[in-house]
Amino acid sequence: MAAWFAAVGLALILASAAPAAHPLYITVTEIKHNPKDKILEISCKVFTNDLETVLEKLAKAKVDLSSEKDKAANDRLIDEYIEKHLRLKVDGKPVGLHYVGSEKEADGTWCYFQVNDVPAVKRIDAVNDLLYESFSQQINIMHVTVGGERKSTRLDCPEANASFQF
């Protein structure tokens, strides 16, 4: 029995010392309707290293989201990637996302978008396949708030479609 505990202890020490990918592949997308300004406010939080992985495939070059000198180029990549992998319809009509910016926070990166000229919302349909091409175990959580009512869903790769009725 003592040998078993020693073996398990050694395995745990080695596992914690070895660099490894984080065990979860998750994004969180928040969509909030702002009726006063008639916009949808959209924020996506993505693990920075996962976002860099997909952006490197797009850019065919190394991407470092913490680099201030590459901020403009990185913002263009983020905009291009997310607009391709997060598509929205409001009340049955496709809408375009307008990139606002991004900010790095600990191990995550927040990416901000807005959709202009949205006076009211009855339904939002989303196709969200962020990071699916790189991580088969990807989970995308979505929260949508309209008129103070919040609805949420979880999309497990390859499931990408969600609808929110208000």
C-alpha atoms as a PDB file:
ATOM      1  CA  MET A   1       0.000   0.000   0.000  1.00  0.00           C
ATOM      2  CA  ALA A   2       2.825   2.398   0.856  1.00  0.00           C
ATOM      3  CA  ALA A   3       4.386   1.738  -2.574  1.00  0.00           C
ATOM      4  CA  TRP A   4       1.081   2.638  -4.246  1.00  0.00           C
ATOM      5  CA  PHE A   5       0.912   5.983  -2.387  1.00  0.00           C
ATOM      6  CA  ALA A   6       4.534   6.695  -3.302  1.00  0.00           C
ATOM      7  CA  ALA A   7       3.867   5.948  -6.972  1.00  0.00           C
ATOM      8  CA  VAL A   8       0.745   8.147  -7.015  1.00  0.00           C
ATOM      9  CA  GLY A   9       2.635  10.939  -5.233  1.00  0.00           C
ATOM     10  CA  LEU A  10       5.493  10.768  -7.755  1.00  0.00           C
ATOM     11  CA  ALA A  11       3.040  10.797 -10.659  1.00  0.00           C
ATOM     12  CA  LEU A  12       1.325  13.883  -9.234  1.00  0.00           C
ATOM     13  CA  ILE A  13       4.649  15.689  -8.780  1.00  0.00           C
ATOM     14  CA  LEU A  14       5.729  14.865 -12.336  1.00  0.00           C
ATOM     15  CA  ALA A  15       2.357  15.864 -13.761  1.00  0.00           C
ATOM     16  CA  SER A  16       2.418  19.208 -11.983  1.00  0.00           C
ATOM     17  CA  ALA A  17       5.984  19.896 -13.129  1.00  0.00           C
ATOM     18  CA  ALA A  18       5.338  19.110 -16.783  1.00  0.00           C
ATOM     19  CA  PRO A  19       3.999  21.950 -18.910  1.00  0.00           C
ATOM     20  CA  ALA A  20       0.557  20.982 -20.085  1.00  0.00           C
ATOM     21  CA  ALA A  21      -2.379  22.527 -21.838  1.00  0.00           C
ATOM     22  CA  HIS A  22      -5.210  23.615 -19.625  1.00  0.00           C
ATOM     23  CA  PRO A  23      -7.853  20.884 -19.306  1.00  0.00           C
ATOM     24  CA  LEU A  24     -10.809  23.016 -20.450  1.00  0.00           C
ATOM     25  CA  TYR A  25     -11.337  24.696 -23.789  1.00  0.00           C
ATOM     26  CA  ILE A  26     -14.001  27.314 -23.138  1.00  0.00           C
ATOM     27  CA  THR A  27     -15.112  30.661 -24.496  1.00  0.00           C
ATOM     28  CA  VAL A  28     -17.757  32.859 -22.931  1.00  0.00           C
ATOM     29  CA  THR A  29     -19.765  35.215 -25.125  1.00  0.00           C
ATOM     30  CA  GLU A  30     -21.983  37.884 -23.549  1.00  0.00           C
ATOM     31  CA  ILE A  31     -24.525  39.698 -25.715  1.00  0.00           C
ATOM     32  CA  LYS A  32     -26.472  42.559 -24.126  1.00  0.00           C
ATOM     33  CA  HIS A  33     -29.070  44.726 -25.806  1.00  0.00           C
ATOM     34  CA  ASN A  34     -28.683  48.402 -24.937  1.00  0.00           C
ATOM     35  CA  PRO A  35     -32.050  49.923 -25.933  1.00  0.00           C
ATOM     36  CA  LYS A  36     -31.016  53.481 -25.035  1.00  0.00           C
ATOM     37  CA  ASP A  37     -28.148  53.468 -27.554  1.00  0.00           C
ATOM     38  CA  LYS A  38     -29.887  50.947 -29.860  1.00  0.00           C
ATOM     39  CA  ILE A  39     -26.916  48.581 -29.953  1.00  0.00           C
ATOM     40  CA  LEU A  40     -25.977  45.027 -29.097  1.00  0.00           C
ATOM     41  CA  GLU A  41     -22.885  44.971 -26.905  1.00  0.00           C
ATOM     42  CA  ILE A  42     -20.883  41.787 -27.444  1.00  0.00           C
ATOM     43  CA  SER A  43     -17.912  40.547 -25.469  1.00  0.00           C
ATOM     44  CA  CYS A  44     -16.071  37.269 -25.945  1.00  0.00           C
ATOM     45  CA  LYS A  45     -13.609  35.934 -23.400  1.00  0.00           C
ATOM     46  CA  VAL A  46     -11.137  33.402 -24.773  1.00  0.00           C
ATOM     47  CA  PHE A  47      -8.084  31.747 -23.229  1.00  0.00           C
ATOM     48  CA  THR A  48      -5.234  33.808 -24.671  1.00  0.00           C
ATOM     49  CA  ASN A  49      -3.074  30.839 -25.672  1.00  0.00           C
ATOM     50  CA  ASP A  50      -6.019  29.220 -27.507  1.00  0.00           C
ATOM     51  CA  LEU A  51      -6.804  32.464 -29.326  1.00  0.00           C
ATOM     52  CA  GLU A  52      -3.143  32.832 -30.308  1.00  0.00           C
ATOM     53  CA  THR A  53      -3.215  29.264 -31.674  1.00  0.00           C
ATOM     54  CA  VAL A  54      -6.117  29.965 -34.044  1.00  0.00           C
ATOM     55  CA  LEU A  55      -4.808  33.408 -35.015  1.00  0.00           C
ATOM     56  CA  GLU A  56      -1.411  31.920 -35.900  1.00  0.00           C
ATOM     57  CA  LYS A  57      -3.142  29.609 -38.366  1.00  0.00           C
ATOM     58  CA  LEU A  58      -4.930  32.603 -39.881  1.00  0.00           C
ATOM     59  CA  ALA A  59      -1.796  34.779 -40.010  1.00  0.00           C
ATOM     60  CA  LYS A  60       0.583  31.936 -40.881  1.00  0.00           C
ATOM     61  CA  ALA A  61       2.966  33.541 -38.385  1.00  0.00           C
ATOM     62  CA  LYS A  62       3.626  33.704 -34.632  1.00  0.00           C
ATOM     63  CA  VAL A  63       1.061  35.798 -32.734  1.00  0.00           C
ATOM     64  CA  ASP A  64       1.734  37.333 -29.310  1.00  0.00           C
ATOM     65  CA  LEU A  65      -1.352  39.090 -27.973  1.00  0.00           C
ATOM     66  CA  SER A  66       0.664  40.713 -25.180  1.00  0.00           C
ATOM     67  CA  SER A  67       2.843  42.583 -27.693  1.00  0.00           C
ATOM     68  CA  GLU A  68       1.971  46.288 -27.732  1.00  0.00           C
ATOM     69  CA  LYS A  69       3.899  46.875 -30.961  1.00  0.00           C
ATOM     70  CA  ASP A  70       1.723  44.264 -32.747  1.00  0.00           C
ATOM     71  CA  LYS A  71      -1.580  45.490 -31.241  1.00  0.00           C
ATOM     72  CA  ALA A  72      -3.022  46.907 -34.500  1.00  0.00           C
ATOM     73  CA  ALA A  73      -2.169  43.773 -36.503  1.00  0.00           C
ATOM     74  CA  ASN A  74      -3.468  41.523 -33.719  1.00  0.00           C
ATOM     75  CA  ASP A  75      -6.711  43.504 -33.541  1.00  0.00           C
ATOM     76  CA  ARG A  76      -7.233  43.021 -37.297  1.00  0.00           C
ATOM     77  CA  LEU A  77      -6.702  39.267 -36.870  1.00  0.00           C
ATOM     78  CA  ILE A  78      -9.106  39.070 -33.912  1.00  0.00           C
ATOM     79  CA  ASP A  79     -11.731  41.024 -35.847  1.00  0.00           C
ATOM     80  CA  GLU A  80     -11.381  38.826 -38.949  1.00  0.00           C
ATOM     81  CA  TYR A  81     -11.418  35.570 -36.990  1.00  0.00           C
ATOM     82  CA  ILE A  82     -14.350  36.293 -34.687  1.00  0.00           C
ATOM     83  CA  GLU A  83     -16.526  37.824 -37.415  1.00  0.00           C
ATOM     84  CA  LYS A  84     -16.081  34.570 -39.354  1.00  0.00           C
ATOM     85  CA  HIS A  85     -16.854  32.303 -36.371  1.00  0.00           C
ATOM     86  CA  LEU A  86     -19.558  34.258 -34.510  1.00  0.00           C
ATOM     87  CA  ARG A  87     -22.459  35.124 -36.777  1.00  0.00           C
ATOM     88  CA  LEU A  88     -25.693  36.669 -35.551  1.00  0.00           C
ATOM     89  CA  LYS A  89     -29.206  37.279 -36.808  1.00  0.00           C
ATOM     90  CA  VAL A  90     -31.529  39.665 -35.017  1.00  0.00           C
ATOM     91  CA  ASP A  91     -35.197  38.998 -35.666  1.00  0.00           C
ATOM     92  CA  GLY A  92     -34.263  36.888 -38.696  1.00  0.00           C
ATOM     93  CA  LYS A  93     -31.901  39.444 -40.297  1.00  0.00           C
ATOM     94  CA  PRO A  94     -28.114  38.913 -40.452  1.00  0.00           C
ATOM     95  CA  VAL A  95     -26.200  41.675 -38.674  1.00  0.00           C
ATOM     96  CA  GLY A  96     -22.579  42.743 -38.941  1.00  0.00           C
ATOM     97  CA  LEU A  97     -20.295  42.881 -35.943  1.00  0.00           C
ATOM     98  CA  HIS A  98     -18.242  46.051 -35.542  1.00  0.00           C
ATOM     99  CA  TYR A  99     -14.950  45.518 -33.729  1.00  0.00           C
ATOM    100  CA  VAL A 100     -14.450  47.788 -30.714  1.00  0.00           C
ATOM    101  CA  GLY A 101     -11.197  46.388 -29.282  1.00  0.00           C
ATOM    102  CA  SER A 102      -9.599  43.799 -27.047  1.00  0.00           C
ATOM    103  CA  GLU A 103      -7.831  43.588 -23.728  1.00  0.00           C
ATOM    104  CA  LYS A 104      -5.695  40.902 -22.145  1.00  0.00           C
ATOM    105  CA  GLU A 105      -6.478  39.885 -18.576  1.00  0.00           C
ATOM    106  CA  ALA A 106      -4.530  37.189 -16.702  1.00  0.00           C
ATOM    107  CA  ASP A 107      -4.833  34.095 -18.959  1.00  0.00           C
ATOM    108  CA  GLY A 108      -7.790  35.402 -20.974  1.00  0.00           C
ATOM    109  CA  THR A 109      -8.413  37.942 -23.688  1.00  0.00           C
ATOM    110  CA  TRP A 110     -11.627  39.952 -23.926  1.00  0.00           C
ATOM    111  CA  CYS A 111     -12.735  40.836 -27.460  1.00  0.00           C
ATOM    112  CA  TYR A 112     -15.403  43.521 -27.843  1.00  0.00           C
ATOM    113  CA  PHE A 113     -17.883  44.097 -30.673  1.00  0.00           C
ATOM    114  CA  GLN A 114     -21.132  45.915 -31.195  1.00  0.00           C
ATOM    115  CA  VAL A 115     -24.039  45.801 -33.587  1.00  0.00           C
ATOM    116  CA  ASN A 116     -25.464  49.229 -34.366  1.00  0.00           C
ATOM    117  CA  ASP A 117     -29.046  50.301 -35.055  1.00  0.00           C
ATOM    118  CA  VAL A 118     -30.880  47.644 -33.033  1.00  0.00           C
ATOM    119  CA  PRO A 119     -33.829  49.455 -31.430  1.00  0.00           C
ATOM    120  CA  ALA A 120     -35.583  46.269 -30.248  1.00  0.00           C
ATOM    121  CA  VAL A 121     -34.925  42.525 -30.087  1.00  0.00           C
ATOM    122  CA  LYS A 122     -37.395  39.657 -30.082  1.00  0.00           C
ATOM    123  CA  ARG A 123     -35.043  36.890 -31.197  1.00  0.00           C
ATOM    124  CA  ILE A 124     -31.307  36.350 -31.607  1.00  0.00           C
ATOM    125  CA  ASP A 125     -29.966  33.419 -33.610  1.00  0.00           C
ATOM    126  CA  ALA A 126     -26.264  32.681 -33.343  1.00  0.00           C
ATOM    127  CA  VAL A 127     -23.750  30.459 -35.056  1.00  0.00           C
ATOM    128  CA  ASN A 128     -20.812  30.222 -32.672  1.00  0.00           C
ATOM    129  CA  ASP A 129     -18.016  27.853 -33.714  1.00  0.00           C
ATOM    130  CA  LEU A 130     -15.161  29.748 -32.076  1.00  0.00           C
ATOM    131  CA  LEU A 131     -12.030  27.562 -31.827  1.00  0.00           C
ATOM    132  CA  TYR A 132     -13.811  24.437 -33.126  1.00  0.00           C
ATOM    133  CA  GLU A 133     -11.277  23.994 -35.921  1.00  0.00           C
ATOM    134  CA  SER A 134      -8.465  23.658 -33.366  1.00  0.00           C
ATOM    135  CA  PHE A 135     -10.012  22.023 -30.297  1.00  0.00           C
ATOM    136  CA  SER A 136     -12.488  19.146 -30.645  1.00  0.00           C
ATOM    137  CA  GLN A 137     -13.378  19.405 -26.942  1.00  0.00           C
ATOM    138  CA  GLN A 138     -14.236  23.127 -27.224  1.00  0.00           C
ATOM    139  CA  ILE A 139     -17.213  24.456 -25.230  1.00  0.00           C
ATOM    140  CA  ASN A 140     -18.763  27.825 -26.056  1.00  0.00           C
ATOM    141  CA  ILE A 141     -20.985  29.366 -23.395  1.00  0.00           C
ATOM    142  CA  MET A 142     -23.377  32.116 -24.481  1.00  0.00           C
ATOM    143  CA  HIS A 143     -25.312  34.570 -22.310  1.00  0.00           C
ATOM    144  CA  VAL A 144     -27.830  36.923 -23.933  1.00  0.00           C
ATOM    145  CA  THR A 145     -29.607  39.710 -22.056  1.00  0.00           C
ATOM    146  CA  VAL A 146     -32.551  41.617 -23.529  1.00  0.00           C
ATOM    147  CA  GLY A 147     -34.951  43.782 -21.532  1.00  0.00           C
ATOM    148  CA  GLY A 148     -33.344  42.649 -18.279  1.00  0.00           C
ATOM    149  CA  GLU A 149     -34.020  38.979 -19.085  1.00  0.00           C
ATOM    150  CA  ARG A 150     -30.905  36.794 -19.298  1.00  0.00           C
ATOM    151  CA  LYS A 151     -30.806  33.496 -21.174  1.00  0.00           C
ATOM    152  CA  SER A 152     -27.841  31.157 -21.504  1.00  0.00           C
ATOM    153  CA  THR A 153     -26.765  28.110 -23.443  1.00  0.00           C
ATOM    154  CA  ARG A 154     -23.793  25.822 -23.791  1.00  0.00           C
ATOM    155  CA  LEU A 155     -22.535  24.702 -27.196  1.00  0.00           C
ATOM    156  CA  ASP A 156     -20.294  21.619 -27.250  1.00  0.00           C
ATOM    157  CA  CYS A 157     -18.202  21.131 -30.386  1.00  0.00           C
ATOM    158  CA  PRO A 158     -19.444  20.535 -33.089  1.00  0.00           C
ATOM    159  CA  GLU A 159     -22.826  22.022 -32.046  1.00  0.00           C
ATOM    160  CA  ALA A 160     -22.740  25.675 -33.133  1.00  0.00           C
ATOM    161  CA  ASN A 161     -26.333  26.946 -33.404  1.00  0.00           C
ATOM    162  CA  ALA A 162     -28.243  28.724 -30.647  1.00  0.00           C
ATOM    163  CA  SER A 163     -31.488  30.710 -30.540  1.00  0.00           C
ATOM    164  CA  PHE A 164     -32.738  33.082 -27.886  1.00  0.00           C
ATOM    165  CA  GLN A 165     -36.369  34.217 -27.850  1.00  0.00           C
ATOM    166  CA  PHE A 166     -37.509  37.241 -25.830  1.00  0.00           C
END
